PDB file of N, CA and C in Angstrom:
ATOM      1  N   MET A   1     -75.440 -38.477 -14.765  1.00  0.00           N
ATOM      2  CA  MET A   1     -73.962 -38.179 -14.228  1.00  0.00           C
ATOM      3  C   MET A   1     -73.203 -38.116 -15.555  1.00  0.00           C
ATOM      4  N   ASN A   2     -72.422 -37.047 -15.669  1.00  0.00           N
ATOM      5  CA  ASN A   2     -71.516 -36.884 -16.754  1.00  0.00           C
ATOM      6  C   ASN A   2     -70.157 -37.564 -16.407  1.00  0.00           C
ATOM      7  N   LEU A   3     -69.767 -38.679 -16.988  1.00  0.00           N
ATOM      8  CA  LEU A   3     -68.507 -39.376 -16.656  1.00  0.00           C
ATOM      9  C   LEU A   3     -67.392 -38.528 -17.048  1.00  0.00           C
ATOM     10  N   ALA A   4     -67.411 -37.635 -17.931  1.00  0.00           N
ATOM     11  CA  ALA A   4     -66.274 -36.784 -18.316  1.00  0.00           C
ATOM     12  C   ALA A   4     -66.197 -35.509 -17.528  1.00  0.00           C
ATOM     13  N   SER A   5     -66.835 -35.382 -16.460  1.00  0.00           N
ATOM     14  CA  SER A   5     -66.697 -34.116 -15.748  1.00  0.00           C
ATOM     15  C   SER A   5     -65.588 -34.234 -14.554  1.00  0.00           C
ATOM     16  N   ILE A   6     -64.998 -33.229 -14.195  1.00  0.00           N
ATOM     17  CA  ILE A   6     -64.055 -33.306 -13.077  1.00  0.00           C
ATOM     18  C   ILE A   6     -64.745 -32.642 -11.970  1.00  0.00           C
ATOM     19  N   PRO A   7     -64.936 -33.034 -10.878  1.00  0.00           N
ATOM     20  CA  PRO A   7     -65.585 -32.434  -9.715  1.00  0.00           C
ATOM     21  C   PRO A   7     -64.573 -31.351  -9.167  1.00  0.00           C
ATOM     22  N   SER A   8     -65.293 -30.276  -8.741  1.00  0.00           N
ATOM     23  CA  SER A   8     -64.541 -29.239  -8.143  1.00  0.00           C
ATOM     24  C   SER A   8     -63.983 -29.565  -6.611  1.00  0.00           C
ATOM     25  N   PRO A   9     -62.885 -29.133  -6.300  1.00  0.00           N
ATOM     26  CA  PRO A   9     -62.496 -29.551  -4.874  1.00  0.00           C
ATOM     27  C   PRO A   9     -63.373 -28.785  -3.896  1.00  0.00           C
ATOM     28  N   SER A  10     -63.358 -29.338  -2.823  1.00  0.00           N
ATOM     29  CA  SER A  10     -64.288 -28.788  -1.684  1.00  0.00           C
ATOM     30  C   SER A  10     -63.692 -27.497  -1.238  1.00  0.00           C
ATOM     31  N   THR A  11     -62.584 -27.262  -1.234  1.00  0.00           N
ATOM     32  CA  THR A  11     -62.013 -25.832  -0.742  1.00  0.00           C
ATOM     33  C   THR A  11     -60.876 -25.663  -1.820  1.00  0.00           C
ATOM     34  N   GLY A  12     -60.566 -24.282  -1.859  1.00  0.00           N
ATOM     35  CA  GLY A  12     -59.574 -23.778  -2.689  1.00  0.00           C
ATOM     36  C   GLY A  12     -58.368 -23.420  -2.022  1.00  0.00           C
ATOM     37  N   VAL A  13     -58.126 -24.136  -0.754  1.00  0.00           N
ATOM     38  CA  VAL A  13     -56.921 -23.907   0.128  1.00  0.00           C
ATOM     39  C   VAL A  13     -56.389 -25.088   0.625  1.00  0.00           C
ATOM     40  N   ILE A  14     -54.938 -25.006   0.465  1.00  0.00           N
ATOM     41  CA  ILE A  14     -54.197 -26.179   1.122  1.00  0.00           C
ATOM     42  C   ILE A  14     -53.430 -25.581   2.121  1.00  0.00           C
ATOM     43  N   GLU A  15     -53.535 -26.217   3.274  1.00  0.00           N
ATOM     44  CA  GLU A  15     -52.786 -25.762   4.475  1.00  0.00           C
ATOM     45  C   GLU A  15     -51.430 -26.356   4.464  1.00  0.00           C
ATOM     46  N   LEU A  16     -50.387 -25.576   4.493  1.00  0.00           N
ATOM     47  CA  LEU A  16     -49.003 -25.923   4.605  1.00  0.00           C
ATOM     48  C   LEU A  16     -48.424 -25.472   5.910  1.00  0.00           C
ATOM     49  N   GLY A  17     -48.879 -26.177   6.952  1.00  0.00           N
ATOM     50  CA  GLY A  17     -48.458 -25.676   8.384  1.00  0.00           C
ATOM     51  C   GLY A  17     -49.287 -24.462   8.586  1.00  0.00           C
ATOM     52  N   PRO A  18     -48.685 -23.385   8.922  1.00  0.00           N
ATOM     53  CA  PRO A  18     -49.423 -22.149   9.389  1.00  0.00           C
ATOM     54  C   PRO A  18     -49.811 -21.161   7.981  1.00  0.00           C
ATOM     55  N   ILE A  19     -49.226 -21.856   6.924  1.00  0.00           N
ATOM     56  CA  ILE A  19     -49.390 -20.971   5.703  1.00  0.00           C
ATOM     57  C   ILE A  19     -50.470 -21.543   4.777  1.00  0.00           C
ATOM     58  N   PRO A  20     -51.478 -20.806   4.448  1.00  0.00           N
ATOM     59  CA  PRO A  20     -52.519 -21.228   3.562  1.00  0.00           C
ATOM     60  C   PRO A  20     -52.072 -21.101   2.134  1.00  0.00           C
ATOM     61  N   LEU A  21     -52.129 -21.992   1.244  1.00  0.00           N
ATOM     62  CA  LEU A  21     -51.768 -21.898  -0.121  1.00  0.00           C
ATOM     63  C   LEU A  21     -53.168 -22.040  -0.948  1.00  0.00           C
ATOM     64  N   ARG A  22     -53.375 -20.984  -1.567  1.00  0.00           N
ATOM     65  CA  ARG A  22     -54.674 -20.890  -2.372  1.00  0.00           C
ATOM     66  C   ARG A  22     -54.360 -21.469  -3.705  1.00  0.00           C
ATOM     67  N   GLY A  23     -55.439 -21.924  -4.371  1.00  0.00           N
ATOM     68  CA  GLY A  23     -55.425 -22.472  -5.710  1.00  0.00           C
ATOM     69  C   GLY A  23     -54.813 -21.662  -6.716  1.00  0.00           C
ATOM     70  N   TYR A  24     -55.359 -20.326  -6.773  1.00  0.00           N
ATOM     71  CA  TYR A  24     -54.867 -19.470  -7.661  1.00  0.00           C
ATOM     72  C   TYR A  24     -53.395 -19.096  -7.498  1.00  0.00           C
ATOM     73  N   ALA A  25     -52.925 -18.908  -6.282  1.00  0.00           N
ATOM     74  CA  ALA A  25     -51.616 -18.641  -5.975  1.00  0.00           C
ATOM     75  C   ALA A  25     -50.715 -19.824  -6.547  1.00  0.00           C
ATOM     76  N   PHE A  26     -51.090 -21.047  -6.204  1.00  0.00           N
ATOM     77  CA  PHE A  26     -50.386 -22.288  -6.502  1.00  0.00           C
ATOM     78  C   PHE A  26     -50.251 -22.094  -8.216  1.00  0.00           C
ATOM     79  N   CYS A  27     -51.293 -21.795  -8.875  1.00  0.00           N
ATOM     80  CA  CYS A  27     -51.204 -21.849 -10.399  1.00  0.00           C
ATOM     81  C   CYS A  27     -50.186 -20.641 -10.752  1.00  0.00           C
ATOM     82  N   ILE A  28     -50.255 -19.498 -10.076  1.00  0.00           N
ATOM     83  CA  ILE A  28     -49.322 -18.485 -10.384  1.00  0.00           C
ATOM     84  C   ILE A  28     -47.917 -18.866 -10.231  1.00  0.00           C
ATOM     85  N   ILE A  29     -47.570 -19.552  -9.067  1.00  0.00           N
ATOM     86  CA  ILE A  29     -46.113 -19.958  -8.726  1.00  0.00           C
ATOM     87  C   ILE A  29     -45.886 -21.041  -9.809  1.00  0.00           C
ATOM     88  N   ILE A  30     -46.657 -21.994 -10.106  1.00  0.00           N
ATOM     89  CA  ILE A  30     -46.318 -22.999 -11.093  1.00  0.00           C
ATOM     90  C   ILE A  30     -45.903 -22.261 -12.437  1.00  0.00           C
ATOM     91  N   GLY A  31     -46.865 -21.350 -12.814  1.00  0.00           N
ATOM     92  CA  GLY A  31     -46.631 -20.499 -14.071  1.00  0.00           C
ATOM     93  C   GLY A  31     -45.296 -19.862 -14.145  1.00  0.00           C
ATOM     94  N   VAL A  32     -44.897 -19.204 -13.034  1.00  0.00           N
ATOM     95  CA  VAL A  32     -43.728 -18.498 -13.060  1.00  0.00           C
ATOM     96  C   VAL A  32     -42.573 -19.461 -13.255  1.00  0.00           C
ATOM     97  N   PHE A  33     -42.583 -20.504 -12.499  1.00  0.00           N
ATOM     98  CA  PHE A  33     -41.499 -21.482 -12.582  1.00  0.00           C
ATOM     99  C   PHE A  33     -41.349 -22.055 -14.159  1.00  0.00           C
ATOM    100  N   VAL A  34     -42.463 -22.385 -14.614  1.00  0.00           N
ATOM    101  CA  VAL A  34     -42.525 -22.993 -16.011  1.00  0.00           C
ATOM    102  C   VAL A  34     -42.031 -21.942 -17.061  1.00  0.00           C
ATOM    103  N   ALA A  35     -42.416 -20.779 -16.821  1.00  0.00           N
ATOM    104  CA  ALA A  35     -42.041 -19.649 -17.799  1.00  0.00           C
ATOM    105  C   ALA A  35     -40.633 -19.326 -17.726  1.00  0.00           C
ATOM    106  N   VAL A  36     -40.091 -19.416 -16.512  1.00  0.00           N
ATOM    107  CA  VAL A  36     -38.563 -19.044 -16.287  1.00  0.00           C
ATOM    108  C   VAL A  36     -37.707 -20.291 -16.836  1.00  0.00           C
ATOM    109  N   TRP A  37     -38.288 -21.456 -16.533  1.00  0.00           N
ATOM    110  CA  TRP A  37     -37.556 -22.638 -17.089  1.00  0.00           C
ATOM    111  C   TRP A  37     -37.504 -22.647 -18.665  1.00  0.00           C
ATOM    112  N   PHE A  38     -38.866 -22.440 -19.235  1.00  0.00           N
ATOM    113  CA  PHE A  38     -39.015 -22.427 -20.773  1.00  0.00           C
ATOM    114  C   PHE A  38     -38.193 -21.295 -21.368  1.00  0.00           C
ATOM    115  N   GLY A  39     -38.362 -20.025 -20.739  1.00  0.00           N
ATOM    116  CA  GLY A  39     -37.648 -18.931 -21.294  1.00  0.00           C
ATOM    117  C   GLY A  39     -36.137 -19.167 -21.299  1.00  0.00           C
ATOM    118  N   ASN A  40     -35.617 -19.655 -20.179  1.00  0.00           N
ATOM    119  CA  ASN A  40     -34.211 -19.834 -19.967  1.00  0.00           C
ATOM    120  C   ASN A  40     -33.756 -20.732 -21.146  1.00  0.00           C
ATOM    121  N   LYS A  41     -34.509 -21.843 -21.390  1.00  0.00           N
ATOM    122  CA  LYS A  41     -34.125 -22.736 -22.451  1.00  0.00           C
ATOM    123  C   LYS A  41     -34.180 -22.216 -23.669  1.00  0.00           C
ATOM    124  N   ARG A  42     -35.055 -21.376 -24.072  1.00  0.00           N
ATOM    125  CA  ARG A  42     -35.207 -20.747 -25.461  1.00  0.00           C
ATOM    126  C   ARG A  42     -34.040 -19.604 -25.369  1.00  0.00           C
ATOM    127  N   TRP A  43     -33.856 -18.872 -24.412  1.00  0.00           N
ATOM    128  CA  TRP A  43     -32.644 -17.994 -24.373  1.00  0.00           C
ATOM    129  C   TRP A  43     -31.354 -18.518 -24.665  1.00  0.00           C
ATOM    130  N   ILE A  44     -31.150 -19.577 -24.077  1.00  0.00           N
ATOM    131  CA  ILE A  44     -29.824 -20.491 -24.256  1.00  0.00           C
ATOM    132  C   ILE A  44     -29.787 -20.818 -25.791  1.00  0.00           C
ATOM    133  N   ALA A  45     -30.857 -21.346 -26.157  1.00  0.00           N
ATOM    134  CA  ALA A  45     -30.835 -21.806 -27.633  1.00  0.00           C
ATOM    135  C   ALA A  45     -30.473 -20.644 -28.632  1.00  0.00           C
ATOM    136  N   ARG A  46     -30.833 -19.406 -28.296  1.00  0.00           N
ATOM    137  CA  ARG A  46     -30.512 -18.269 -29.144  1.00  0.00           C
ATOM    138  C   ARG A  46     -29.180 -17.571 -28.840  1.00  0.00           C
ATOM    139  N   GLY A  47     -28.300 -18.342 -27.991  1.00  0.00           N
ATOM    140  CA  GLY A  47     -26.874 -17.909 -27.723  1.00  0.00           C
ATOM    141  C   GLY A  47     -26.953 -16.988 -26.515  1.00  0.00           C
ATOM    142  N   GLY A  48     -27.987 -16.873 -25.640  1.00  0.00           N
ATOM    143  CA  GLY A  48     -27.891 -16.028 -24.495  1.00  0.00           C
ATOM    144  C   GLY A  48     -27.114 -16.778 -23.355  1.00  0.00           C
ATOM    145  N   LYS A  49     -26.893 -16.037 -22.177  1.00  0.00           N
ATOM    146  CA  LYS A  49     -26.228 -16.719 -21.161  1.00  0.00           C
ATOM    147  C   LYS A  49     -27.226 -17.272 -20.147  1.00  0.00           C
ATOM    148  N   ALA A  50     -26.846 -18.560 -19.706  1.00  0.00           N
ATOM    149  CA  ALA A  50     -27.706 -19.119 -18.866  1.00  0.00           C
ATOM    150  C   ALA A  50     -28.051 -18.357 -17.550  1.00  0.00           C
ATOM    151  N   GLY A  51     -29.186 -18.357 -17.084  1.00  0.00           N
ATOM    152  CA  GLY A  51     -29.385 -17.626 -15.846  1.00  0.00           C
ATOM    153  C   GLY A  51     -29.933 -16.228 -16.044  1.00  0.00           C
ATOM    154  N   THR A  52     -29.939 -15.676 -17.253  1.00  0.00           N
ATOM    155  CA  THR A  52     -30.311 -14.343 -17.485  1.00  0.00           C
ATOM    156  C   THR A  52     -31.814 -14.179 -17.243  1.00  0.00           C
ATOM    157  N   VAL A  53     -32.595 -15.251 -17.704  1.00  0.00           N
ATOM    158  CA  VAL A  53     -34.066 -15.040 -17.604  1.00  0.00           C
ATOM    159  C   VAL A  53     -34.403 -15.121 -16.051  1.00  0.00           C
ATOM    160  N   ALA A  54     -33.701 -15.950 -15.176  1.00  0.00           N
ATOM    161  CA  ALA A  54     -34.111 -16.027 -13.911  1.00  0.00           C
ATOM    162  C   ALA A  54     -33.606 -14.724 -13.145  1.00  0.00           C
ATOM    163  N   ASP A  55     -32.665 -14.028 -13.710  1.00  0.00           N
ATOM    164  CA  ASP A  55     -32.345 -12.710 -13.037  1.00  0.00           C
ATOM    165  C   ASP A  55     -33.213 -11.766 -13.339  1.00  0.00           C
ATOM    166  N   ILE A  56     -33.890 -11.735 -14.478  1.00  0.00           N
ATOM    167  CA  ILE A  56     -34.893 -10.873 -14.864  1.00  0.00           C
ATOM    168  C   ILE A  56     -36.241 -11.192 -14.132  1.00  0.00           C
ATOM    169  N   ALA A  57     -36.395 -12.291 -13.884  1.00  0.00           N
ATOM    170  CA  ALA A  57     -37.727 -12.785 -13.207  1.00  0.00           C
ATOM    171  C   ALA A  57     -37.695 -12.381 -11.693  1.00  0.00           C
ATOM    172  N   VAL A  58     -36.438 -12.393 -11.144  1.00  0.00           N
ATOM    173  CA  VAL A  58     -36.332 -11.913  -9.830  1.00  0.00           C
ATOM    174  C   VAL A  58     -36.923 -10.577  -9.589  1.00  0.00           C
ATOM    175  N   TRP A  59     -36.748  -9.606 -10.447  1.00  0.00           N
ATOM    176  CA  TRP A  59     -37.346  -8.133 -10.426  1.00  0.00           C
ATOM    177  C   TRP A  59     -38.618  -8.091 -11.116  1.00  0.00           C
ATOM    178  N   ALA A  60     -38.865  -8.938 -12.183  1.00  0.00           N
ATOM    179  CA  ALA A  60     -40.099  -8.764 -12.851  1.00  0.00           C
ATOM    180  C   ALA A  60     -41.242  -9.213 -12.285  1.00  0.00           C
ATOM    181  N   VAL A  61     -41.182 -10.345 -11.506  1.00  0.00           N
ATOM    182  CA  VAL A  61     -42.384 -11.023 -10.841  1.00  0.00           C
ATOM    183  C   VAL A  61     -42.882 -10.141  -9.674  1.00  0.00           C
ATOM    184  N   PRO A  62     -41.959  -9.767  -8.860  1.00  0.00           N
ATOM    185  CA  PRO A  62     -42.450  -8.909  -7.741  1.00  0.00           C
ATOM    186  C   PRO A  62     -43.159  -7.657  -8.169  1.00  0.00           C
ATOM    187  N   PHE A  63     -42.525  -6.857  -9.160  1.00  0.00           N
ATOM    188  CA  PHE A  63     -43.118  -5.652  -9.785  1.00  0.00           C
ATOM    189  C   PHE A  63     -44.338  -6.038 -10.313  1.00  0.00           C
ATOM    190  N   GLY A  64     -44.539  -7.128 -11.114  1.00  0.00           N
ATOM    191  CA  GLY A  64     -45.712  -7.533 -11.615  1.00  0.00           C
ATOM    192  C   GLY A  64     -46.851  -7.701 -10.595  1.00  0.00           C
ATOM    193  N   LEU A  65     -46.580  -8.402  -9.512  1.00  0.00           N
ATOM    194  CA  LEU A  65     -47.511  -8.560  -8.404  1.00  0.00           C
ATOM    195  C   LEU A  65     -47.897  -7.264  -7.899  1.00  0.00           C
ATOM    196  N   VAL A  66     -47.090  -6.243  -7.655  1.00  0.00           N
ATOM    197  CA  VAL A  66     -47.290  -4.979  -7.076  1.00  0.00           C
ATOM    198  C   VAL A  66     -48.165  -4.283  -8.031  1.00  0.00           C
ATOM    199  N   GLY A  67     -47.753  -4.264  -9.447  1.00  0.00           N
ATOM    200  CA  GLY A  67     -48.622  -3.624 -10.387  1.00  0.00           C
ATOM    201  C   GLY A  67     -50.048  -4.233 -10.523  1.00  0.00           C
ATOM    202  N   GLY A  68     -50.123  -5.463 -10.237  1.00  0.00           N
ATOM    203  CA  GLY A  68     -51.470  -6.179 -10.319  1.00  0.00           C
ATOM    204  C   GLY A  68     -52.312  -5.618  -9.163  1.00  0.00           C
ATOM    205  N   ARG A  69     -51.614  -5.422  -7.927  1.00  0.00           N
ATOM    206  CA  ARG A  69     -52.423  -4.917  -6.886  1.00  0.00           C
ATOM    207  C   ARG A  69     -52.718  -3.466  -6.932  1.00  0.00           C
ATOM    208  N   LEU A  70     -51.852  -2.686  -7.485  1.00  0.00           N
ATOM    209  CA  LEU A  70     -52.168  -1.319  -7.869  1.00  0.00           C
ATOM    210  C   LEU A  70     -53.322  -1.276  -8.750  1.00  0.00           C
ATOM    211  N   TYR A  71     -53.466  -2.095  -9.878  1.00  0.00           N
ATOM    212  CA  TYR A  71     -54.546  -2.088 -10.799  1.00  0.00           C
ATOM    213  C   TYR A  71     -55.830  -2.381 -10.148  1.00  0.00           C
ATOM    214  N   HIS A  72     -55.771  -3.347  -9.082  1.00  0.00           N
ATOM    215  CA  HIS A  72     -56.982  -3.767  -8.435  1.00  0.00           C
ATOM    216  C   HIS A  72     -57.423  -2.531  -7.624  1.00  0.00           C
ATOM    217  N   VAL A  73     -56.530  -1.945  -6.940  1.00  0.00           N
ATOM    218  CA  VAL A  73     -56.883  -0.677  -6.114  1.00  0.00           C
ATOM    219  C   VAL A  73     -57.417   0.375  -6.831  1.00  0.00           C
ATOM    220  N   ILE A  74     -56.848   0.616  -7.994  1.00  0.00           N
ATOM    221  CA  ILE A  74     -57.286   1.799  -8.935  1.00  0.00           C
ATOM    222  C   ILE A  74     -58.714   1.485  -9.521  1.00  0.00           C
ATOM    223  N   THR A  75     -58.986   0.211  -9.889  1.00  0.00           N
ATOM    224  CA  THR A  75     -60.185  -0.114 -10.675  1.00  0.00           C
ATOM    225  C   THR A  75     -61.343  -0.374  -9.641  1.00  0.00           C
ATOM    226  N   ASP A  76     -60.980  -0.809  -8.349  1.00  0.00           N
ATOM    227  CA  ASP A  76     -62.025  -1.039  -7.308  1.00  0.00           C
ATOM    228  C   ASP A  76     -61.729   0.111  -6.187  1.00  0.00           C
ATOM    229  N   TYR A  77     -61.435   1.227  -6.582  1.00  0.00           N
ATOM    230  CA  TYR A  77     -61.123   2.309  -5.552  1.00  0.00           C
ATOM    231  C   TYR A  77     -62.214   2.529  -4.431  1.00  0.00           C
ATOM    232  N   GLN A  78     -63.516   2.432  -4.927  1.00  0.00           N
ATOM    233  CA  GLN A  78     -64.542   2.608  -3.795  1.00  0.00           C
ATOM    234  C   GLN A  78     -64.490   1.591  -2.763  1.00  0.00           C
ATOM    235  N   LEU A  79     -63.781   0.462  -2.895  1.00  0.00           N
ATOM    236  CA  LEU A  79     -63.517  -0.389  -1.839  1.00  0.00           C
ATOM    237  C   LEU A  79     -62.661   0.142  -0.710  1.00  0.00           C
ATOM    238  N   TYR A  80     -61.847   1.064  -1.092  1.00  0.00           N
ATOM    239  CA  TYR A  80     -60.786   1.508  -0.173  1.00  0.00           C
ATOM    240  C   TYR A  80     -60.932   3.201   0.096  1.00  0.00           C
ATOM    241  N   PHE A  81     -61.465   3.826  -0.857  1.00  0.00           N
ATOM    242  CA  PHE A  81     -61.419   5.340  -0.731  1.00  0.00           C
ATOM    243  C   PHE A  81     -62.770   5.978  -0.662  1.00  0.00           C
ATOM    244  N   SER A  82     -63.875   5.206  -0.533  1.00  0.00           N
ATOM    245  CA  SER A  82     -65.159   5.702  -0.371  1.00  0.00           C
ATOM    246  C   SER A  82     -65.374   6.261   1.090  1.00  0.00           C
ATOM    247  N   GLU A  83     -66.424   6.987   1.278  1.00  0.00           N
ATOM    248  CA  GLU A  83     -66.761   7.472   2.610  1.00  0.00           C
ATOM    249  C   GLU A  83     -67.144   6.272   3.582  1.00  0.00           C
ATOM    250  N   GLY A  84     -66.525   6.306   4.672  1.00  0.00           N
ATOM    251  CA  GLY A  84     -66.589   5.276   5.636  1.00  0.00           C
ATOM    252  C   GLY A  84     -65.550   4.064   5.515  1.00  0.00           C
ATOM    253  N   GLU A  85     -64.791   4.092   4.470  1.00  0.00           N
ATOM    254  CA  GLU A  85     -63.771   3.238   4.161  1.00  0.00           C
ATOM    255  C   GLU A  85     -62.393   3.551   4.731  1.00  0.00           C
ATOM    256  N   ASN A  86     -61.615   2.706   5.151  1.00  0.00           N
ATOM    257  CA  ASN A  86     -60.191   2.981   5.541  1.00  0.00           C
ATOM    258  C   ASN A  86     -59.317   2.832   4.390  1.00  0.00           C
ATOM    259  N   TRP A  87     -58.572   3.780   4.004  1.00  0.00           N
ATOM    260  CA  TRP A  87     -57.752   3.667   2.814  1.00  0.00           C
ATOM    261  C   TRP A  87     -56.438   2.740   3.160  1.00  0.00           C
ATOM    262  N   VAL A  88     -56.256   2.559   4.410  1.00  0.00           N
ATOM    263  CA  VAL A  88     -55.243   1.629   4.850  1.00  0.00           C
ATOM    264  C   VAL A  88     -55.432   0.200   4.379  1.00  0.00           C
ATOM    265  N   ASP A  89     -56.659  -0.149   4.219  1.00  0.00           N
ATOM    266  CA  ASP A  89     -57.178  -1.554   3.810  1.00  0.00           C
ATOM    267  C   ASP A  89     -56.526  -1.850   2.299  1.00  0.00           C
ATOM    268  N   ALA A  90     -56.126  -0.857   1.587  1.00  0.00           N
ATOM    269  CA  ALA A  90     -55.500  -1.074   0.293  1.00  0.00           C
ATOM    270  C   ALA A  90     -54.270  -1.868   0.392  1.00  0.00           C
ATOM    271  N   PHE A  91     -53.668  -1.844   1.522  1.00  0.00           N
ATOM    272  CA  PHE A  91     -52.364  -2.609   1.808  1.00  0.00           C
ATOM    273  C   PHE A  91     -52.647  -3.988   2.409  1.00  0.00           C
ATOM    274  N   LYS A  92     -53.849  -4.407   2.702  1.00  0.00           N
ATOM    275  CA  LYS A  92     -54.166  -5.587   3.292  1.00  0.00           C
ATOM    276  C   LYS A  92     -54.310  -6.776   2.156  1.00  0.00           C
ATOM    277  N   ILE A  93     -53.195  -7.088   1.573  1.00  0.00           N
ATOM    278  CA  ILE A  93     -53.194  -8.117   0.584  1.00  0.00           C
ATOM    279  C   ILE A  93     -53.744  -9.340   0.882  1.00  0.00           C
ATOM    280  N   TRP A  94     -53.754  -9.765   2.204  1.00  0.00           N
ATOM    281  CA  TRP A  94     -54.252 -11.073   2.543  1.00  0.00           C
ATOM    282  C   TRP A  94     -55.745 -11.178   2.591  1.00  0.00           C
ATOM    283  N   GLU A  95     -56.310 -10.119   2.329  1.00  0.00           N
ATOM    284  CA  GLU A  95     -57.821  -9.966   2.239  1.00  0.00           C
ATOM    285  C   GLU A  95     -58.315 -10.083   0.704  1.00  0.00           C
ATOM    286  N   GLY A  96     -57.450 -10.339  -0.104  1.00  0.00           N
ATOM    287  CA  GLY A  96     -57.812 -10.588  -1.643  1.00  0.00           C
ATOM    288  C   GLY A  96     -57.346  -9.496  -2.465  1.00  0.00           C
ATOM    289  N   GLY A  97     -57.703  -9.633  -3.719  1.00  0.00           N
ATOM    290  CA  GLY A  97     -57.180  -8.604  -4.740  1.00  0.00           C
ATOM    291  C   GLY A  97     -55.862  -8.686  -5.243  1.00  0.00           C
ATOM    292  N   LEU A  98     -55.382 -10.000  -5.417  1.00  0.00           N
ATOM    293  CA  LEU A  98     -53.948 -10.221  -5.732  1.00  0.00           C
ATOM    294  C   LEU A  98     -53.117  -9.326  -4.919  1.00  0.00           C
TER     295      LEU A  98
END
């Protein structure tokens, strides 16, 4: 037994009432908050107005998520646009693919 190993959790989902929070989503959320906090701190240090980074993040994060989903659909198009597949499934984000 390796004493320096960290065991994997039994599941990658934490249930917050009716909302499942997946491990990768939690990491993305934490990463966004840390990036906005750190970016705002650096922006202010360079003479920028406080809150500008958060204002940009309000638009950049959702567009980044939509872009990530579009990339997934384009690169794995056979999952959605092959014969026998339903193209409407491309909008079912709860089934995976960011």
